PDB file of all heavy atoms in Angstrom:
ATOM      1  N   ILE A   1       0.764  -1.197  -0.022  1.00  0.00           N
ATOM      2  CA  ILE A   1      -0.032   0.003  -0.015  1.00  0.00           C
ATOM      3  C   ILE A   1       0.854   1.255  -0.015  1.00  0.00           C
ATOM      4  O   ILE A   1       0.829   2.029  -0.942  1.00  0.00           O
ATOM      5  CB  ILE A   1      -0.938   0.016   1.200  1.00  0.00           C
ATOM      6  CG1 ILE A   1      -1.779  -1.178   1.242  1.00  0.00           C
ATOM      7  CG2 ILE A   1      -1.821   1.212   1.159  1.00  0.00           C
ATOM      8  CD1 ILE A   1      -2.604  -1.502   0.027  1.00  0.00           C
ATOM      9  N   ALA A   2       1.712   1.391   1.052  1.00  0.00           N
ATOM     10  CA  ALA A   2       2.556   2.643   1.146  1.00  0.00           C
ATOM     11  C   ALA A   2       3.515   2.748   0.001  1.00  0.00           C
ATOM     12  O   ALA A   2       3.957   3.810  -0.380  1.00  0.00           O
ATOM     13  CB  ALA A   2       3.241   2.608   2.471  1.00  0.00           C
ATOM     14  N   GLY A   3       3.879   1.618  -0.630  1.00  0.00           N
ATOM     15  CA  GLY A   3       4.755   1.723  -1.728  1.00  0.00           C
ATOM     16  C   GLY A   3       4.111   2.345  -2.963  1.00  0.00           C
ATOM     17  O   GLY A   3       4.646   2.857  -3.903  1.00  0.00           O
ATOM     18  N   VAL A   4       2.736   2.198  -2.999  1.00  0.00           N
ATOM     19  CA  VAL A   4       1.968   2.747  -4.050  1.00  0.00           C
ATOM     20  C   VAL A   4       1.489   4.149  -3.785  1.00  0.00           C
ATOM     21  O   VAL A   4       1.596   5.096  -4.542  1.00  0.00           O
ATOM     22  CB  VAL A   4       0.642   1.849  -4.431  1.00  0.00           C
ATOM     23  CG1 VAL A   4      -0.189   2.489  -5.498  1.00  0.00           C
ATOM     24  CG2 VAL A   4       1.195   0.531  -5.019  1.00  0.00           C
ATOM     25  N   VAL A   5       0.901   4.278  -2.537  1.00  0.00           N
ATOM     26  CA  VAL A   5       0.288   5.576  -2.221  1.00  0.00           C
ATOM     27  C   VAL A   5       1.359   6.341  -1.496  1.00  0.00           C
ATOM     28  O   VAL A   5       1.454   6.361  -0.240  1.00  0.00           O
ATOM     29  CB  VAL A   5      -0.956   5.332  -1.289  1.00  0.00           C
ATOM     30  CG1 VAL A   5      -1.591   6.679  -0.860  1.00  0.00           C
ATOM     31  CG2 VAL A   5      -1.944   4.400  -1.839  1.00  0.00           C
ATOM     32  N   ASN A   6       2.157   7.017  -2.331  1.00  0.00           N
ATOM     33  CA  ASN A   6       3.324   7.799  -1.743  1.00  0.00           C
ATOM     34  C   ASN A   6       3.437   9.228  -2.531  1.00  0.00           C
ATOM     35  O   ASN A   6       4.226   9.321  -3.463  1.00  0.00           O
ATOM     36  CB  ASN A   6       4.618   7.000  -1.927  1.00  0.00           C
ATOM     37  CG  ASN A   6       5.773   7.752  -1.341  1.00  0.00           C
ATOM     38  OD1 ASN A   6       5.627   8.580  -0.408  1.00  0.00           O
ATOM     39  ND2 ASN A   6       7.032   7.495  -1.888  1.00  0.00           N
ATOM     40  N   PRO A   7       2.576  10.112  -2.152  1.00  0.00           N
ATOM     41  CA  PRO A   7       2.497  11.421  -2.897  1.00  0.00           C
ATOM     42  C   PRO A   7       3.795  12.159  -2.798  1.00  0.00           C
ATOM     43  O   PRO A   7       4.556  12.074  -1.784  1.00  0.00           O
ATOM     44  CB  PRO A   7       1.411  12.108  -2.186  1.00  0.00           C
ATOM     45  CG  PRO A   7       1.250  11.525  -0.854  1.00  0.00           C
ATOM     46  CD  PRO A   7       1.607  10.096  -1.008  1.00  0.00           C
ATOM     47  N   PRO A   8       4.143  12.895  -3.836  1.00  0.00           N
ATOM     48  CA  PRO A   8       5.419  13.647  -3.792  1.00  0.00           C
ATOM     49  C   PRO A   8       5.546  14.657  -2.627  1.00  0.00           C
ATOM     50  O   PRO A   8       6.647  14.824  -2.103  1.00  0.00           O
ATOM     51  CB  PRO A   8       5.376  14.471  -5.183  1.00  0.00           C
ATOM     52  CG  PRO A   8       4.448  13.583  -6.053  1.00  0.00           C
ATOM     53  CD  PRO A   8       3.508  12.998  -5.210  1.00  0.00           C
ATOM     54  N   ALA A   9       4.447  15.284  -2.252  1.00  0.00           N
ATOM     55  CA  ALA A   9       4.495  16.218  -1.146  1.00  0.00           C
ATOM     56  C   ALA A   9       4.875  15.680   0.201  1.00  0.00           C
ATOM     57  O   ALA A   9       5.450  16.377   1.071  1.00  0.00           O
ATOM     58  CB  ALA A   9       3.261  16.961  -1.028  1.00  0.00           C
ATOM     59  N   ALA A  10       4.788  14.391   0.336  1.00  0.00           N
ATOM     60  CA  ALA A  10       5.067  13.709   1.559  1.00  0.00           C
ATOM     61  C   ALA A  10       6.537  13.537   1.753  1.00  0.00           C
ATOM     62  O   ALA A  10       7.096  13.462   2.978  1.00  0.00           O
ATOM     63  CB  ALA A  10       4.396  12.359   1.697  1.00  0.00           C
ATOM     64  N   GLY A  11       7.352  13.555   0.714  1.00  0.00           N
ATOM     65  CA  GLY A  11       8.791  13.466   0.850  1.00  0.00           C
ATOM     66  C   GLY A  11       9.244  12.211   1.455  1.00  0.00           C
ATOM     67  O   GLY A  11      10.212  12.160   2.152  1.00  0.00           O
ATOM     68  N   LYS A  12       8.502  11.059   1.277  1.00  0.00           N
ATOM     69  CA  LYS A  12       8.842   9.830   1.996  1.00  0.00           C
ATOM     70  C   LYS A  12       9.336   8.746   1.106  1.00  0.00           C
ATOM     71  O   LYS A  12       9.168   8.796  -0.216  1.00  0.00           O
ATOM     72  CB  LYS A  12       7.507   9.253   2.636  1.00  0.00           C
ATOM     73  CG  LYS A  12       7.079  10.089   3.719  1.00  0.00           C
ATOM     74  CD  LYS A  12       5.692   9.504   4.292  1.00  0.00           C
ATOM     75  CE  LYS A  12       5.918   8.201   5.001  1.00  0.00           C
ATOM     76  NZ  LYS A  12       4.583   7.777   5.558  1.00  0.00           N
ATOM     77  N   TYR A  13      10.165   7.798   1.561  1.00  0.00           N
ATOM     78  CA  TYR A  13      10.591   6.613   0.853  1.00  0.00           C
ATOM     79  C   TYR A  13      11.512   6.991  -0.264  1.00  0.00           C
ATOM     80  O   TYR A  13      12.114   8.025  -0.255  1.00  0.00           O
ATOM     81  CB  TYR A  13       9.403   5.736   0.459  1.00  0.00           C
ATOM     82  CG  TYR A  13       8.383   5.359   1.502  1.00  0.00           C
ATOM     83  CD1 TYR A  13       7.033   5.627   1.379  1.00  0.00           C
ATOM     84  CD2 TYR A  13       8.837   4.845   2.756  1.00  0.00           C
ATOM     85  CE1 TYR A  13       6.181   5.373   2.365  1.00  0.00           C
ATOM     86  CE2 TYR A  13       7.943   4.470   3.746  1.00  0.00           C
ATOM     87  CZ  TYR A  13       6.622   4.763   3.536  1.00  0.00           C
ATOM     88  OH  TYR A  13       5.730   4.466   4.674  1.00  0.00           O
ATOM     89  N   GLN A  14      11.548   6.061  -1.276  1.00  0.00           N
ATOM     90  CA  GLN A  14      12.511   6.218  -2.415  1.00  0.00           C
ATOM     91  C   GLN A  14      12.014   5.181  -3.386  1.00  0.00           C
ATOM     92  O   GLN A  14      11.172   4.477  -3.209  1.00  0.00           O
ATOM     93  CB  GLN A  14      13.939   6.003  -1.914  1.00  0.00           C
ATOM     94  CG  GLN A  14      14.253   4.607  -1.573  1.00  0.00           C
ATOM     95  CD  GLN A  14      13.749   4.217  -0.146  1.00  0.00           C
ATOM     96  OE1 GLN A  14      12.757   3.496  -0.034  1.00  0.00           O
ATOM     97  NE2 GLN A  14      14.397   4.624   0.832  1.00  0.00           N
ATOM     98  N   TYR A  15      12.720   5.325  -4.629  1.00  0.00           N
ATOM     99  CA  TYR A  15      12.447   4.265  -5.612  1.00  0.00           C
ATOM    100  C   TYR A  15      13.662   4.084  -6.366  1.00  0.00           C
ATOM    101  O   TYR A  15      14.677   4.825  -6.361  1.00  0.00           O
ATOM    102  CB  TYR A  15      11.255   4.704  -6.637  1.00  0.00           C
ATOM    103  CG  TYR A  15      11.674   5.948  -7.404  1.00  0.00           C
ATOM    104  CD1 TYR A  15      12.223   5.827  -8.701  1.00  0.00           C
ATOM    105  CD2 TYR A  15      11.277   7.199  -6.898  1.00  0.00           C
ATOM    106  CE1 TYR A  15      12.458   6.920  -9.456  1.00  0.00           C
ATOM    107  CE2 TYR A  15      11.562   8.330  -7.667  1.00  0.00           C
ATOM    108  CZ  TYR A  15      12.151   8.103  -9.023  1.00  0.00           C
ATOM    109  OH  TYR A  15      12.285   9.342  -9.768  1.00  0.00           O
ATOM    110  N   TRP A  16      13.740   2.861  -7.098  1.00  0.00           N
ATOM    111  CA  TRP A  16      14.962   2.576  -7.911  1.00  0.00           C
ATOM    112  C   TRP A  16      14.568   2.255  -9.288  1.00  0.00           C
ATOM    113  O   TRP A  16      13.503   1.560  -9.572  1.00  0.00           O
ATOM    114  CB  TRP A  16      15.536   1.256  -7.237  1.00  0.00           C
ATOM    115  CG  TRP A  16      16.258   1.445  -5.990  1.00  0.00           C
ATOM    116  CD1 TRP A  16      17.537   1.682  -5.668  1.00  0.00           C
ATOM    117  CD2 TRP A  16      15.581   1.356  -4.585  1.00  0.00           C
ATOM    118  NE1 TRP A  16      17.699   1.714  -4.232  1.00  0.00           N
ATOM    119  CE2 TRP A  16      16.563   1.555  -3.647  1.00  0.00           C
ATOM    120  CE3 TRP A  16      14.241   1.097  -4.310  1.00  0.00           C
ATOM    121  CZ2 TRP A  16      16.249   1.517  -2.309  1.00  0.00           C
ATOM    122  CZ3 TRP A  16      13.958   1.073  -2.882  1.00  0.00           C
ATOM    123  CH2 TRP A  16      14.910   1.313  -1.967  1.00  0.00           C
ATOM    124  N   THR A  17      15.385   2.744 -10.239  1.00  0.00           N
ATOM    125  CA  THR A  17      15.280   2.472 -11.621  1.00  0.00           C
ATOM    126  C   THR A  17      16.594   1.844 -12.089  1.00  0.00           C
ATOM    127  O   THR A  17      17.544   2.054 -11.513  1.00  0.00           O
ATOM    128  CB  THR A  17      14.929   3.732 -12.351  1.00  0.00           C
ATOM    129  OG1 THR A  17      15.943   4.735 -12.132  1.00  0.00           O
ATOM    130  CG2 THR A  17      13.607   4.298 -12.108  1.00  0.00           C
ATOM    131  N   GLY A  18      16.507   1.059 -13.214  1.00  0.00           N
ATOM    132  CA  GLY A  18      17.719   0.427 -13.695  1.00  0.00           C
ATOM    133  C   GLY A  18      17.599  -0.035 -15.046  1.00  0.00           C
ATOM    134  O   GLY A  18      16.727   0.468 -15.877  1.00  0.00           O
ATOM    135  N   ASP A  19      18.312  -1.036 -15.390  1.00  0.00           N
ATOM    136  CA  ASP A  19      18.400  -1.644 -16.725  1.00  0.00           C
ATOM    137  C   ASP A  19      17.130  -2.536 -16.931  1.00  0.00           C
ATOM    138  O   ASP A  19      17.091  -3.561 -16.338  1.00  0.00           O
ATOM    139  CB  ASP A  19      19.638  -2.432 -16.831  1.00  0.00           C
ATOM    140  CG  ASP A  19      19.717  -3.010 -18.346  1.00  0.00           C
ATOM    141  OD1 ASP A  19      19.027  -2.633 -19.148  1.00  0.00           O
ATOM    142  OD2 ASP A  19      20.763  -3.718 -18.595  1.00  0.00           O
ATOM    143  N   ASN A  20      16.258  -2.053 -17.831  1.00  0.00           N
ATOM    144  CA  ASN A  20      15.005  -2.847 -18.050  1.00  0.00           C
ATOM    145  C   ASN A  20      15.328  -4.015 -18.901  1.00  0.00           C
ATOM    146  O   ASN A  20      14.364  -4.835 -19.202  1.00  0.00           O
ATOM    147  CB  ASN A  20      14.039  -1.960 -18.701  1.00  0.00           C
ATOM    148  CG  ASN A  20      13.439  -0.858 -17.685  1.00  0.00           C
ATOM    149  OD1 ASN A  20      13.133  -1.038 -16.725  1.00  0.00           O
ATOM    150  ND2 ASN A  20      13.605   0.424 -18.175  1.00  0.00           N
ATOM    151  N   ARG A  21      16.544  -4.165 -19.393  1.00  0.00           N
ATOM    152  CA  ARG A  21      16.850  -5.345 -20.165  1.00  0.00           C
ATOM    153  C   ARG A  21      17.566  -6.396 -19.264  1.00  0.00           C
ATOM    154  O   ARG A  21      18.039  -7.331 -19.789  1.00  0.00           O
ATOM    155  CB  ARG A  21      17.793  -5.010 -21.330  1.00  0.00           C
ATOM    156  CG  ARG A  21      17.203  -4.006 -22.363  1.00  0.00           C
ATOM    157  CD  ARG A  21      18.206  -3.450 -23.157  1.00  0.00           C
ATOM    158  NE  ARG A  21      19.079  -2.523 -22.480  1.00  0.00           N
ATOM    159  CZ  ARG A  21      20.164  -1.992 -22.985  1.00  0.00           C
ATOM    160  NH1 ARG A  21      20.435  -2.098 -24.301  1.00  0.00           N
ATOM    161  NH2 ARG A  21      20.936  -1.179 -22.179  1.00  0.00           N
ATOM    162  N   ALA A  22      17.707  -6.080 -17.935  1.00  0.00           N
ATOM    163  CA  ALA A  22      18.311  -7.039 -17.045  1.00  0.00           C
ATOM    164  C   ALA A  22      17.638  -8.391 -17.109  1.00  0.00           C
ATOM    165  O   ALA A  22      16.432  -8.578 -17.225  1.00  0.00           O
ATOM    166  CB  ALA A  22      18.201  -6.492 -15.625  1.00  0.00           C
ATOM    167  N   ALA A  23      18.438  -9.480 -17.047  1.00  0.00           N
ATOM    168  CA  ALA A  23      17.943 -10.858 -17.279  1.00  0.00           C
ATOM    169  C   ALA A  23      17.273 -11.317 -16.030  1.00  0.00           C
ATOM    170  O   ALA A  23      16.405 -12.193 -15.967  1.00  0.00           O
ATOM    171  CB  ALA A  23      19.086 -11.737 -17.640  1.00  0.00           C
ATOM    172  N   THR A  24      17.696 -10.858 -14.870  1.00  0.00           N
ATOM    173  CA  THR A  24      17.199 -11.223 -13.542  1.00  0.00           C
ATOM    174  C   THR A  24      16.907  -9.988 -12.635  1.00  0.00           C
ATOM    175  O   THR A  24      17.455  -8.934 -12.810  1.00  0.00           O
ATOM    176  CB  THR A  24      18.142 -12.216 -12.835  1.00  0.00           C
ATOM    177  OG1 THR A  24      19.352 -11.521 -12.403  1.00  0.00           O
ATOM    178  CG2 THR A  24      18.496 -13.343 -13.751  1.00  0.00           C
ATOM    179  N   LEU A  25      16.194 -10.300 -11.619  1.00  0.00           N
ATOM    180  CA  LEU A  25      15.900  -9.212 -10.551  1.00  0.00           C
ATOM    181  C   LEU A  25      17.202  -8.851  -9.860  1.00  0.00           C
ATOM    182  O   LEU A  25      17.437  -7.733  -9.694  1.00  0.00           O
ATOM    183  CB  LEU A  25      14.927  -9.743  -9.618  1.00  0.00           C
ATOM    184  CG  LEU A  25      14.610  -8.848  -8.353  1.00  0.00           C
ATOM    185  CD1 LEU A  25      14.117  -7.465  -8.922  1.00  0.00           C
ATOM    186  CD2 LEU A  25      13.655  -9.511  -7.401  1.00  0.00           C
ATOM    187  N   ASP A  26      18.031  -9.829  -9.573  1.00  0.00           N
ATOM    188  CA  ASP A  26      19.186  -9.516  -8.912  1.00  0.00           C
ATOM    189  C   ASP A  26      20.164  -8.652  -9.757  1.00  0.00           C
ATOM    190  O   ASP A  26      20.871  -7.748  -9.217  1.00  0.00           O
ATOM    191  CB  ASP A  26      19.991 -10.777  -8.536  1.00  0.00           C
ATOM    192  CG  ASP A  26      19.400 -11.604  -7.466  1.00  0.00           C
ATOM    193  OD1 ASP A  26      18.548 -11.011  -6.691  1.00  0.00           O
ATOM    194  OD2 ASP A  26      19.630 -12.855  -7.358  1.00  0.00           O
ATOM    195  N   GLU A  27      20.106  -8.903 -11.098  1.00  0.00           N
ATOM    196  CA  GLU A  27      20.894  -8.084 -11.995  1.00  0.00           C
ATOM    197  C   GLU A  27      20.343  -6.648 -12.088  1.00  0.00           C
ATOM    198  O   GLU A  27      21.164  -5.580 -11.978  1.00  0.00           O
ATOM    199  CB  GLU A  27      20.972  -8.735 -13.344  1.00  0.00           C
ATOM    200  CG  GLU A  27      21.802  -7.933 -14.328  1.00  0.00           C
ATOM    201  CD  GLU A  27      21.704  -8.701 -15.748  1.00  0.00           C
ATOM    202  OE1 GLU A  27      21.631  -9.866 -15.869  1.00  0.00           O
ATOM    203  OE2 GLU A  27      21.776  -7.885 -16.773  1.00  0.00           O
ATOM    204  N   PHE A  28      19.033  -6.514 -12.045  1.00  0.00           N
ATOM    205  CA  PHE A  28      18.461  -5.195 -12.061  1.00  0.00           C
ATOM    206  C   PHE A  28      18.866  -4.437 -10.827  1.00  0.00           C
ATOM    207  O   PHE A  28      19.247  -3.241 -10.814  1.00  0.00           O
ATOM    208  CB  PHE A  28      16.933  -5.289 -12.121  1.00  0.00           C
ATOM    209  CG  PHE A  28      16.156  -4.085 -12.013  1.00  0.00           C
ATOM    210  CD1 PHE A  28      15.855  -3.227 -13.088  1.00  0.00           C
ATOM    211  CD2 PHE A  28      15.743  -3.622 -10.714  1.00  0.00           C
ATOM    212  CE1 PHE A  28      15.214  -2.041 -13.005  1.00  0.00           C
ATOM    213  CE2 PHE A  28      15.046  -2.421 -10.695  1.00  0.00           C
ATOM    214  CZ  PHE A  28      14.758  -1.631 -11.749  1.00  0.00           C
ATOM    215  N   VAL A  29      18.725  -5.146  -9.634  1.00  0.00           N
ATOM    216  CA  VAL A  29      18.899  -4.409  -8.308  1.00  0.00           C
ATOM    217  C   VAL A  29      20.336  -3.973  -8.185  1.00  0.00           C
ATOM    218  O   VAL A  29      20.668  -2.906  -7.738  1.00  0.00           O
ATOM    219  CB  VAL A  29      18.556  -5.308  -7.083  1.00  0.00           C
ATOM    220  CG1 VAL A  29      19.005  -4.768  -5.838  1.00  0.00           C
ATOM    221  CG2 VAL A  29      17.041  -5.495  -7.133  1.00  0.00           C
ATOM    222  N   ALA A  30      21.298  -4.809  -8.660  1.00  0.00           N
ATOM    223  CA  ALA A  30      22.727  -4.540  -8.592  1.00  0.00           C
ATOM    224  C   ALA A  30      23.068  -3.285  -9.319  1.00  0.00           C
ATOM    225  O   ALA A  30      24.061  -2.605  -8.923  1.00  0.00           O
ATOM    226  CB  ALA A  30      23.478  -5.704  -9.126  1.00  0.00           C
ATOM    227  N   GLY A  31      22.354  -2.997 -10.456  1.00  0.00           N
ATOM    228  CA  GLY A  31      22.783  -1.820 -11.248  1.00  0.00           C
ATOM    229  C   GLY A  31      21.800  -0.632 -11.094  1.00  0.00           C
ATOM    230  O   GLY A  31      21.815   0.299 -11.848  1.00  0.00           O
TER     231      GLY A  31
END
């Protein structure tokens, strides 16, 4: 829930972006 409902004004949490061609989740997280 909180991972979805996180309005910009709250200034909470964070998110990660990466290589969308990564073969595995571990590979995505690593980069």
